[in-house]
Protein backbone atom coordinates (compact mmCIF):
# COMPACT_ATOMS: atom_id res chain seq x y z
CA MET A 1 22.11 -30.76 92.31
CA ALA A 2 24.99 -29.11 93.80
CA ARG A 3 24.90 -27.03 97.21
CA VAL A 4 21.20 -27.95 97.88
CA CYS A 5 20.01 -29.81 100.96
CA GLU A 6 18.48 -33.20 100.04
CA LEU A 7 15.56 -33.07 102.84
CA CYS A 8 14.59 -29.43 102.46
CA GLY A 9 15.82 -28.29 99.38
CA LYS A 10 17.56 -25.10 100.78
CA GLY A 11 20.11 -23.74 98.40
CA PRO A 12 22.09 -20.64 97.70
CA VAL A 13 20.70 -17.13 97.92
CA ALA A 14 21.87 -14.08 96.04
CA GLY A 15 22.55 -10.99 97.41
CA HIS A 16 25.11 -8.09 97.43
CA ASN A 17 28.34 -6.96 99.12
CA VAL A 18 27.91 -3.21 100.14
CA SER A 19 30.88 -1.37 100.74
CA HIS A 20 31.18 1.51 102.64
CA ALA A 21 31.10 3.77 99.67
CA ASN A 22 27.98 1.80 98.95
CA ASN A 23 29.35 0.00 96.10
CA LYS A 24 27.48 -3.18 95.17
CA THR A 25 28.79 -6.42 93.99
CA PRO A 26 27.23 -9.73 93.52
CA ARG A 27 27.48 -12.42 96.26
CA ARG A 28 25.90 -15.65 97.18
CA TRP A 29 25.14 -17.17 100.61
CA TYR A 30 25.39 -20.96 100.70
CA PRO A 31 23.68 -23.32 103.09
CA ASN A 32 25.60 -25.11 105.67
CA LEU A 33 25.82 -28.51 104.33
CA GLN A 34 27.18 -31.53 106.13
CA ARG A 35 27.66 -35.12 104.46
CA VAL A 36 25.70 -37.49 107.01
CA ARG A 37 25.08 -41.27 106.85
CA ALA A 38 21.34 -41.34 107.60
CA ILE A 39 18.87 -44.28 107.09
CA VAL A 40 16.88 -43.86 104.40
CA ASP A 41 14.16 -46.74 103.37
CA GLY A 42 15.70 -48.89 105.85
CA ALA A 43 19.11 -48.82 104.31
CA PRO A 44 22.22 -46.41 105.36
CA ARG A 45 22.62 -43.92 102.62
CA ARG A 46 24.85 -40.52 102.38
CA LEU A 47 23.09 -37.40 102.44
CA ARG A 48 24.04 -33.45 101.90
CA VAL A 49 21.98 -32.07 104.72
CA CYS A 50 21.80 -28.43 105.91
CA THR A 51 22.40 -28.15 109.90
CA ARG A 52 19.32 -27.00 110.53
CA CYS A 53 17.64 -30.75 109.48
CA LEU A 54 20.46 -31.98 111.68
CA LYS A 55 19.46 -29.98 114.65
CA SER A 56 15.70 -30.41 114.18
CA ASN A 57 16.15 -34.28 113.92
CA ARG A 58 14.60 -34.54 110.79
CA VAL A 59 17.61 -36.75 109.91
CA VAL A 60 17.83 -40.68 111.39
CA LYS A 61 21.66 -41.18 111.51
CA ALA A 62 23.00 -44.63 110.85
CA SER A 63 25.49 -46.25 113.40
């Protein structure tokens, strides 16, 4: 799955751009995903992880 955090499952959120004239057009907010080398089941692996998971130390980085 694209644009989804592999740890917490956070993905895009839908909403509207709202102009000053109150016109509404669809838009999406994407999570801030980073590619990280992490230890998974004792072996290093590349993951797409959101920055919230990185900050909260849910990821054990590989050196």
